[in-house]
Amino acid sequence: MGFLPGARLRLVRRAPLGDPIEVEIGGAHLALRHADAALIQVRITPDA
């Protein structure tokens, strides 16, 4: 489990105060703090 180049990531929801966020990647749901999420580079693509 992890963030690999080319993997699809989806923002699921944000906590009421905005931190943490829940993302889905490879079928797994993960909670990330903004400080950690800021280190991940993403490319936005239209839904396939």
N, C-alpha and C. Protein backbone atom coordinates (compact mmCIF):
# COMPACT_ATOMS: atom_id res chain seq x y z
N MET A 1 0.85 -1.17 0.00
CA MET A 1 0.00 0.00 0.00
C MET A 1 0.90 1.23 0.00
N GLY A 2 0.55 2.17 -0.87
CA GLY A 2 1.33 3.38 -0.90
C GLY A 2 1.00 4.23 -2.10
N PHE A 3 1.65 5.34 -2.20
CA PHE A 3 1.46 6.27 -3.30
C PHE A 3 2.55 6.01 -4.32
N LEU A 4 2.16 5.52 -5.48
CA LEU A 4 3.11 5.21 -6.54
C LEU A 4 2.83 6.10 -7.74
N PRO A 5 3.85 6.42 -8.53
CA PRO A 5 3.63 7.22 -9.73
C PRO A 5 2.58 6.56 -10.63
N GLY A 6 1.64 7.36 -11.11
CA GLY A 6 0.61 6.87 -12.01
C GLY A 6 -0.64 6.35 -11.30
N ALA A 7 -0.59 6.22 -9.98
CA ALA A 7 -1.76 5.72 -9.24
C ALA A 7 -2.85 6.79 -9.22
N ARG A 8 -4.10 6.34 -9.28
CA ARG A 8 -5.23 7.28 -9.22
C ARG A 8 -5.59 7.54 -7.77
N LEU A 9 -5.75 8.80 -7.47
CA LEU A 9 -6.07 9.25 -6.12
C LEU A 9 -7.37 10.05 -6.20
N ARG A 10 -8.25 9.84 -5.23
CA ARG A 10 -9.52 10.56 -5.21
C ARG A 10 -9.74 11.14 -3.82
N LEU A 11 -10.07 12.42 -3.77
CA LEU A 11 -10.42 13.05 -2.51
C LEU A 11 -11.82 12.60 -2.14
N VAL A 12 -11.98 11.97 -0.98
CA VAL A 12 -13.28 11.46 -0.55
C VAL A 12 -14.01 12.52 0.27
N ARG A 13 -13.34 13.05 1.30
CA ARG A 13 -13.96 14.08 2.14
C ARG A 13 -12.92 14.77 3.00
N ARG A 14 -13.36 15.88 3.58
CA ARG A 14 -12.52 16.65 4.50
C ARG A 14 -13.18 16.64 5.88
N ALA A 15 -12.39 16.69 6.90
CA ALA A 15 -12.91 16.79 8.26
C ALA A 15 -13.60 18.15 8.41
N PRO A 16 -14.49 18.30 9.38
CA PRO A 16 -15.22 19.57 9.55
C PRO A 16 -14.32 20.80 9.62
N LEU A 17 -13.17 20.69 10.22
CA LEU A 17 -12.26 21.84 10.28
C LEU A 17 -11.21 21.80 9.17
N GLY A 18 -11.35 20.86 8.23
CA GLY A 18 -10.47 20.81 7.07
C GLY A 18 -9.25 19.93 7.21
N ASP A 19 -8.98 19.42 8.39
CA ASP A 19 -7.78 18.59 8.58
C ASP A 19 -8.14 17.47 9.54
N PRO A 20 -7.99 16.23 9.20
CA PRO A 20 -7.34 15.67 8.02
C PRO A 20 -8.31 15.55 6.85
N ILE A 21 -7.78 15.04 5.75
CA ILE A 21 -8.59 14.73 4.57
C ILE A 21 -8.57 13.22 4.38
N GLU A 22 -9.61 12.70 3.75
CA GLU A 22 -9.65 11.27 3.43
C GLU A 22 -9.49 11.13 1.93
N VAL A 23 -8.55 10.28 1.51
CA VAL A 23 -8.34 10.01 0.09
C VAL A 23 -8.49 8.52 -0.15
N GLU A 24 -8.82 8.20 -1.39
CA GLU A 24 -8.90 6.80 -1.82
C GLU A 24 -7.81 6.57 -2.85
N ILE A 25 -7.03 5.54 -2.65
CA ILE A 25 -5.98 5.18 -3.60
C ILE A 25 -5.86 3.66 -3.62
N GLY A 26 -5.99 3.09 -4.79
CA GLY A 26 -5.88 1.64 -4.93
C GLY A 26 -6.90 0.86 -4.10
N GLY A 27 -8.10 1.42 -3.91
CA GLY A 27 -9.12 0.75 -3.13
C GLY A 27 -9.00 0.95 -1.63
N ALA A 28 -7.93 1.58 -1.16
CA ALA A 28 -7.73 1.83 0.26
C ALA A 28 -8.13 3.28 0.58
N HIS A 29 -8.70 3.48 1.74
CA HIS A 29 -9.06 4.82 2.20
C HIS A 29 -8.05 5.22 3.28
N LEU A 30 -7.43 6.38 3.08
CA LEU A 30 -6.40 6.85 4.00
C LEU A 30 -6.72 8.25 4.48
N ALA A 31 -6.41 8.54 5.73
CA ALA A 31 -6.55 9.89 6.27
C ALA A 31 -5.17 10.52 6.27
N LEU A 32 -5.08 11.73 5.75
CA LEU A 32 -3.81 12.45 5.67
C LEU A 32 -3.95 13.83 6.27
N ARG A 33 -2.95 14.23 7.03
CA ARG A 33 -2.90 15.62 7.49
C ARG A 33 -2.48 16.48 6.32
N HIS A 34 -2.86 17.75 6.37
CA HIS A 34 -2.50 18.66 5.27
C HIS A 34 -0.99 18.74 5.07
N ALA A 35 -0.23 18.72 6.14
CA ALA A 35 1.23 18.80 6.03
C ALA A 35 1.78 17.62 5.23
N ASP A 36 1.20 16.43 5.41
CA ASP A 36 1.64 15.26 4.66
C ASP A 36 1.11 15.30 3.23
N ALA A 37 -0.14 15.69 3.07
CA ALA A 37 -0.75 15.74 1.74
C ALA A 37 -0.04 16.76 0.85
N ALA A 38 0.50 17.82 1.44
CA ALA A 38 1.19 18.85 0.67
C ALA A 38 2.46 18.32 0.01
N LEU A 39 2.98 17.20 0.47
CA LEU A 39 4.20 16.63 -0.10
C LEU A 39 3.93 15.73 -1.31
N ILE A 40 2.65 15.50 -1.63
CA ILE A 40 2.28 14.61 -2.73
C ILE A 40 1.98 15.45 -3.96
N GLN A 41 2.64 15.14 -5.06
CA GLN A 41 2.40 15.85 -6.31
C GLN A 41 1.32 15.08 -7.09
N VAL A 42 0.33 15.82 -7.57
CA VAL A 42 -0.76 15.19 -8.34
C VAL A 42 -0.96 15.92 -9.66
N ARG A 43 -1.52 15.20 -10.59
CA ARG A 43 -1.92 15.78 -11.88
C ARG A 43 -3.41 15.54 -12.01
N ILE A 44 -4.17 16.59 -12.18
CA ILE A 44 -5.62 16.48 -12.27
C ILE A 44 -5.99 16.06 -13.69
N THR A 45 -6.78 15.00 -13.79
CA THR A 45 -7.26 14.51 -15.08
C THR A 45 -8.77 14.37 -15.03
N PRO A 46 -9.44 14.46 -16.17
CA PRO A 46 -10.90 14.27 -16.17
C PRO A 46 -11.21 12.80 -15.81
N ASP A 47 -12.38 12.59 -15.21
CA ASP A 47 -12.79 11.23 -14.90
C ASP A 47 -12.84 10.39 -16.16
N ALA A 48 -12.33 9.17 -16.03
CA ALA A 48 -12.31 8.27 -17.20
C ALA A 48 -13.52 7.38 -17.20
